[in-house]
């Protein structure tokens, strides 16, 4: 012994049961929520730019993840294409009825250009591994910019901010209901080989809360029948759950827990987007058919 007292330990960040930094997660979540609310209310292009930034980060995260299993996507053309697909299709959709190109032509054109650019980008690397790398590029293009483009299409539709808010709140209801019921009463795993913590009880909680949110907002905000809200909620729960499981499969295959640590307490951008990416096209189709105005 030297007689010297050890310095008291410094403050330790409070962790959630999942091992995350809880204060950081709350701060990041509040900042994202505030940005979403303000942009949906006052500056739609701000929301589109936020979505574009998150999806761009998602393409980089997926590129880094796939590299772990020897698949190298053409990340630079895909990042550029993601910006073009999201912003271009939204701009075209908001100018329908003018001399501008139809949104579906712009969307397909940029998707085709991104695909072609990605395949050409890899050509100098030679034949070895070309198919694997091309598959990584095509998977990324289909998974992120293609599915993500539907958020802009929803926002550009009549009463788009209310429709987008409804989708986001139903997704939040899905997550909250699933966690609240699953953590307390969940005993029967839904997909034990993919995500052991997901249970059928949690899924029931997701359907219950999401349905309440979906019916309320569909009647109140969108002036549509209650059954449309129920259909929308159940469809978003199903699609969002599949989106979560898809990302879990990717992470299990490449051997990671989170896509990145870009969002403190939350993981990566893709860890926040996994449900919305798959739910957005389904919600857009239902709203396009049943809530046109």
Protein backbone atom coordinates (compact mmCIF):
# COMPACT_ATOMS: atom_id res chain seq x y z
CA UNK A 1 0.00 0.00 0.00
CA UNK A 2 1.20 3.50 -0.76
CA UNK A 3 -1.32 5.33 1.40
CA UNK A 4 -2.77 7.09 -1.63
CA UNK A 5 -6.52 6.97 -2.03
CA UNK A 6 -7.91 5.87 -5.31
CA UNK A 7 -9.79 8.52 -7.23
CA UNK A 8 -13.53 7.95 -7.20
CA UNK A 9 -14.85 6.53 -10.41
CA UNK A 10 -16.19 9.05 -12.90
CA UNK A 11 -19.82 9.23 -13.84
CA UNK A 12 -21.05 6.30 -15.83
CA UNK A 13 -23.59 6.78 -18.56
CA UNK A 14 -26.86 5.14 -17.62
CA UNK A 15 -27.51 2.06 -19.75
CA UNK A 16 -30.75 0.49 -20.78
CA UNK A 17 -31.36 -3.24 -20.39
CA UNK A 18 -30.27 -3.58 -24.01
CA UNK A 19 -26.89 -2.10 -23.11
CA UNK A 20 -27.49 1.25 -24.82
CA UNK A 21 -26.72 4.75 -23.52
CA UNK A 22 -30.22 5.71 -22.39
CA UNK A 23 -29.73 9.51 -22.01
CA UNK A 24 -28.06 9.70 -25.42
CA UNK A 25 -30.84 7.59 -26.96
CA UNK A 26 -33.49 9.92 -25.51
CA UNK A 27 -31.71 13.07 -26.72
CA UNK A 28 -31.19 11.70 -30.23
CA UNK A 29 -34.78 10.44 -30.38
CA UNK A 30 -36.17 13.81 -29.30
CA UNK A 31 -33.98 15.67 -31.80
CA UNK A 32 -35.10 13.42 -34.65
CA UNK A 33 -38.75 13.66 -33.60
CA UNK A 34 -38.59 17.46 -33.39
CA UNK A 35 -36.97 17.67 -36.82
CA UNK A 36 -39.61 15.40 -38.34
CA UNK A 37 -42.49 17.36 -36.80
CA UNK A 38 -41.16 20.78 -37.81
CA UNK A 39 -40.33 19.78 -41.37
CA UNK A 40 -43.67 18.04 -41.90
CA UNK A 41 -45.46 21.15 -40.66
CA UNK A 42 -43.41 23.90 -42.25
CA UNK A 43 -40.84 22.68 -44.78
CA UNK A 44 -41.53 19.50 -46.72
CA UNK A 45 -38.25 19.67 -48.58
CA UNK A 46 -36.52 19.60 -45.20
CA UNK A 47 -38.19 16.28 -44.45
CA UNK A 48 -37.17 14.92 -47.86
CA UNK A 49 -33.58 16.04 -47.27
CA UNK A 50 -33.59 14.40 -43.82
CA UNK A 51 -34.86 11.14 -45.35
CA UNK A 52 -32.24 11.41 -48.11
CA UNK A 53 -29.45 11.93 -45.58
CA UNK A 54 -30.58 8.94 -43.49
CA UNK A 55 -30.90 6.70 -46.55
CA UNK A 56 -27.48 7.80 -47.80
CA UNK A 57 -25.99 6.83 -44.46
CA UNK A 58 -27.88 3.56 -44.75
CA UNK A 59 -26.23 2.75 -48.09
CA UNK A 60 -22.81 3.35 -46.53
CA UNK A 61 -23.66 1.22 -43.50
CA UNK A 62 -24.89 -1.62 -45.68
CA UNK A 63 -21.78 -1.34 -47.85
CA UNK A 64 -19.55 -1.67 -44.76
CA UNK A 65 -21.63 -4.59 -43.46
CA UNK A 66 -21.52 -6.54 -46.73
CA UNK A 67 -17.75 -6.06 -46.97
CA UNK A 68 -17.45 -8.32 -43.94
CA UNK A 69 -18.59 -11.26 -46.08
CA UNK A 70 -16.59 -10.31 -49.16
CA UNK A 71 -19.29 -8.38 -51.05
CA UNK A 72 -18.33 -4.88 -52.21
CA UNK A 73 -21.12 -2.66 -53.51
CA UNK A 74 -20.43 0.32 -55.77
CA UNK A 75 -21.05 2.70 -52.90
CA UNK A 76 -20.22 5.98 -54.67
CA UNK A 77 -22.67 5.55 -57.58
CA UNK A 78 -25.28 4.23 -55.15
CA UNK A 79 -24.95 7.22 -52.82
CA UNK A 80 -25.31 9.60 -55.77
CA UNK A 81 -28.21 7.55 -57.10
CA UNK A 82 -29.95 7.56 -53.73
CA UNK A 83 -29.92 11.36 -53.64
CA UNK A 84 -31.19 11.50 -57.23
CA UNK A 85 -33.93 8.89 -56.71
CA UNK A 86 -35.37 10.38 -53.51
CA UNK A 87 -35.12 14.06 -54.41
CA UNK A 88 -35.90 13.59 -58.11
CA UNK A 89 -39.03 11.48 -57.62
CA UNK A 90 -40.34 13.85 -54.93
CA UNK A 91 -39.73 16.91 -57.10
CA UNK A 92 -41.47 15.26 -60.05
CA UNK A 93 -44.43 14.14 -57.91
CA UNK A 94 -44.97 17.67 -56.58
CA UNK A 95 -45.05 19.08 -60.13
CA UNK A 96 -47.54 16.64 -61.64
CA UNK A 97 -49.93 18.30 -64.05
CA UNK A 98 -47.24 20.60 -65.45
CA UNK A 99 -44.77 20.00 -68.26
CA UNK A 100 -42.47 18.07 -65.90
CA UNK A 101 -41.81 14.37 -66.40
CA UNK A 102 -44.17 12.01 -64.50
CA UNK A 103 -42.79 10.87 -61.17
CA UNK A 104 -42.74 7.21 -62.18
CA UNK A 105 -40.61 8.03 -65.24
CA UNK A 106 -38.16 9.96 -63.08
CA UNK A 107 -38.06 7.19 -60.47
CA UNK A 108 -37.46 4.42 -63.01
CA UNK A 109 -34.95 6.53 -64.91
CA UNK A 110 -32.79 7.24 -61.89
CA UNK A 111 -33.05 3.65 -60.63
CA UNK A 112 -31.98 2.38 -64.04
CA UNK A 113 -29.12 4.87 -64.23
CA UNK A 114 -27.93 3.95 -60.72
CA UNK A 115 -28.03 0.24 -61.56
CA UNK A 116 -26.13 0.70 -64.81
CA UNK A 117 -23.56 2.99 -63.20
CA UNK A 118 -22.98 0.46 -60.40
CA UNK A 119 -22.40 -2.41 -62.83
CA UNK A 120 -20.00 -0.35 -64.93
CA UNK A 121 -18.20 1.01 -61.84
CA UNK A 122 -17.15 -2.52 -60.88
CA UNK A 123 -15.86 -3.52 -64.35
CA UNK A 124 -12.23 -2.39 -63.86
CA UNK A 125 -11.95 -4.84 -60.94
CA UNK A 126 -12.05 -7.81 -63.31
CA UNK A 127 -14.11 -10.99 -63.37
CA UNK A 128 -13.10 -12.35 -59.96
CA UNK A 129 -15.93 -11.60 -57.54
CA UNK A 130 -17.87 -9.53 -60.07
CA UNK A 131 -21.16 -11.36 -59.54
CA UNK A 132 -20.94 -11.07 -55.74
CA UNK A 133 -20.15 -7.36 -55.93
CA UNK A 134 -22.86 -6.71 -58.50
CA UNK A 135 -25.34 -8.59 -56.30
CA UNK A 136 -24.36 -6.41 -53.35
CA UNK A 137 -24.99 -3.27 -55.44
CA UNK A 138 -28.35 -4.44 -56.75
CA UNK A 139 -29.46 -5.56 -53.28
CA UNK A 140 -28.57 -2.15 -51.86
CA UNK A 141 -30.35 -0.26 -54.65
CA UNK A 142 -33.52 -2.30 -54.28
CA UNK A 143 -33.46 -2.28 -50.49
CA UNK A 144 -32.72 1.39 -49.77
CA UNK A 145 -33.35 4.00 -52.51
CA UNK A 146 -36.19 2.08 -54.19
CA UNK A 147 -38.14 1.37 -51.00
CA UNK A 148 -37.17 4.73 -49.49
CA UNK A 149 -38.54 6.67 -52.46
CA UNK A 150 -42.10 5.93 -51.34
CA UNK A 151 -41.73 8.29 -48.37
CA UNK A 152 -41.35 11.19 -50.77
CA UNK A 153 -44.24 9.96 -52.90
CA UNK A 154 -46.51 9.85 -49.85
CA UNK A 155 -45.47 13.36 -48.85
CA UNK A 156 -46.05 14.70 -52.37
CA UNK A 157 -49.60 13.31 -52.51
CA UNK A 158 -52.67 15.35 -51.48
CA UNK A 159 -52.65 15.94 -47.71
CA UNK A 160 -49.21 14.36 -47.76
CA UNK A 161 -47.92 15.64 -44.43
CA UNK A 162 -50.93 14.14 -42.60
CA UNK A 163 -50.48 10.85 -44.45
CA UNK A 164 -46.77 10.74 -43.63
CA UNK A 165 -47.43 11.59 -39.98
CA UNK A 166 -50.01 8.80 -39.83
CA UNK A 167 -47.54 6.25 -41.19
CA UNK A 168 -44.81 7.31 -38.77
CA UNK A 169 -47.13 7.29 -35.75
CA UNK A 170 -48.52 3.87 -36.66
CA UNK A 171 -44.95 2.56 -36.93
CA UNK A 172 -44.23 4.07 -33.51
CA UNK A 173 -47.36 2.41 -32.17
CA UNK A 174 -46.18 -0.88 -33.62
CA UNK A 175 -42.83 -0.62 -31.82
CA UNK A 176 -44.29 0.66 -28.55
CA UNK A 177 -47.12 -1.86 -28.36
CA UNK A 178 -44.81 -4.73 -29.28
CA UNK A 179 -42.25 -3.77 -26.64
CA UNK A 180 -44.76 -3.07 -23.87
CA UNK A 181 -46.66 -6.34 -24.25
CA UNK A 182 -43.71 -8.48 -25.36
CA UNK A 183 -41.48 -7.42 -22.46
CA UNK A 184 -44.19 -8.16 -19.90
CA UNK A 185 -46.01 -11.20 -21.28
CA UNK A 186 -43.99 -12.44 -24.25
CA UNK A 187 -43.33 -16.18 -23.98
CA UNK A 188 -43.77 -17.63 -27.46
CA UNK A 189 -40.97 -16.69 -29.90
CA UNK A 190 -42.20 -15.68 -33.32
CA UNK A 191 -38.94 -16.19 -35.25
CA UNK A 192 -36.41 -17.72 -32.83
CA UNK A 193 -33.79 -18.33 -35.52
CA UNK A 194 -33.85 -14.68 -36.61
CA UNK A 195 -34.86 -12.52 -33.63
CA UNK A 196 -35.34 -14.53 -30.41
CA UNK A 197 -36.83 -11.59 -28.50
CA UNK A 198 -39.76 -11.14 -30.86
CA UNK A 199 -42.85 -12.96 -29.59
CA UNK A 200 -46.38 -13.58 -30.75
CA UNK A 201 -47.61 -11.75 -27.67
CA UNK A 202 -45.54 -8.74 -28.69
CA UNK A 203 -47.01 -8.92 -32.19
CA UNK A 204 -50.49 -8.85 -30.69
CA UNK A 205 -49.52 -5.76 -28.72
CA UNK A 206 -48.24 -4.16 -31.91
CA UNK A 207 -51.49 -4.86 -33.74
CA UNK A 208 -53.57 -3.55 -30.84
CA UNK A 209 -51.84 -0.20 -30.35
CA UNK A 210 -51.14 0.36 -34.04
CA UNK A 211 -54.80 -0.28 -34.85
CA UNK A 212 -55.94 2.24 -32.25
CA UNK A 213 -53.52 4.85 -33.61
CA UNK A 214 -54.27 4.04 -37.24
CA UNK A 215 -58.07 4.18 -36.91
CA UNK A 216 -57.96 7.41 -34.89
CA UNK A 217 -55.63 9.24 -37.26
CA UNK A 218 -57.29 7.94 -40.43
CA UNK A 219 -60.70 9.20 -39.30
CA UNK A 220 -59.43 12.42 -37.70
CA UNK A 221 -56.62 13.53 -40.02
CA UNK A 222 -57.41 11.83 -43.31
CA UNK A 223 -61.23 11.90 -43.24
CA UNK A 224 -61.43 8.27 -44.32
CA UNK A 225 -63.50 5.33 -42.99
CA UNK A 226 -62.35 3.56 -39.85
CA UNK A 227 -61.85 0.26 -41.66
CA UNK A 228 -59.25 1.91 -43.90
CA UNK A 229 -57.33 2.85 -40.76
CA UNK A 230 -57.56 -0.73 -39.50
CA UNK A 231 -56.36 -2.13 -42.82
CA UNK A 232 -53.55 0.43 -42.92
CA UNK A 233 -52.44 -0.39 -39.37
CA UNK A 234 -52.47 -4.17 -39.78
CA UNK A 235 -50.60 -3.87 -43.08
CA UNK A 236 -47.97 -1.58 -41.56
CA UNK A 237 -47.51 -3.95 -38.62
CA UNK A 238 -46.99 -6.89 -40.97
CA UNK A 239 -44.66 -5.00 -43.29
CA UNK A 240 -42.76 -3.29 -40.48
CA UNK A 241 -42.21 -6.59 -38.67
CA UNK A 242 -40.88 -8.11 -41.87
CA UNK A 243 -38.61 -5.09 -42.31
CA UNK A 244 -37.20 -5.57 -38.82
CA UNK A 245 -36.62 -9.27 -39.45
CA UNK A 246 -34.98 -8.59 -42.82
CA UNK A 247 -32.43 -6.30 -41.20
CA UNK A 248 -31.90 -8.83 -38.40
CA UNK A 249 -31.12 -11.48 -41.02
CA UNK A 250 -28.57 -9.19 -42.67
CA UNK A 251 -26.88 -8.39 -39.36
CA UNK A 252 -26.81 -12.04 -38.29
CA UNK A 253 -25.36 -13.10 -41.62
CA UNK A 254 -22.52 -10.56 -41.48
CA UNK A 255 -22.00 -10.93 -37.71
CA UNK A 256 -22.82 -7.52 -36.26
CA UNK A 257 -25.22 -6.20 -33.61
CA UNK A 258 -25.83 -2.71 -35.03
CA UNK A 259 -25.29 -1.36 -38.52
CA UNK A 260 -23.13 1.43 -37.06
CA UNK A 261 -22.86 3.74 -34.06
CA UNK A 262 -23.78 6.91 -35.95
CA UNK A 263 -26.86 7.59 -33.79
CA UNK A 264 -25.79 7.38 -30.12
CA UNK A 265 -28.03 5.05 -28.18
CA UNK A 266 -29.82 3.90 -31.34
CA UNK A 267 -27.15 2.28 -33.50
CA UNK A 268 -27.06 3.16 -37.17
CA UNK A 269 -29.42 4.85 -39.58
CA UNK A 270 -30.62 1.48 -40.86
CA UNK A 271 -31.46 0.43 -37.31
CA UNK A 272 -34.02 3.28 -37.28
CA UNK A 273 -35.23 2.83 -40.85
CA UNK A 274 -35.69 -0.93 -41.09
CA UNK A 275 -39.43 -0.96 -40.36
CA UNK A 276 -40.30 2.25 -42.21
CA UNK A 277 -38.47 1.21 -45.37
CA UNK A 278 -40.68 -1.83 -45.88
CA UNK A 279 -43.86 -0.27 -44.49
CA UNK A 280 -43.74 2.85 -46.69
CA UNK A 281 -44.51 1.14 -50.05
CA UNK A 282 -47.38 -0.84 -48.51
CA UNK A 283 -48.85 2.27 -46.86
CA UNK A 284 -48.43 4.29 -50.07
CA UNK A 285 -50.38 1.70 -52.08
CA UNK A 286 -53.25 1.55 -49.58
CA UNK A 287 -53.46 5.34 -49.40
CA UNK A 288 -53.20 5.68 -53.18
CA UNK A 289 -56.12 3.30 -53.66
CA UNK A 290 -58.33 4.16 -50.70
CA UNK A 291 -57.41 7.72 -49.61
CA UNK A 292 -56.63 9.49 -52.88
CA UNK A 293 -57.47 12.97 -51.55
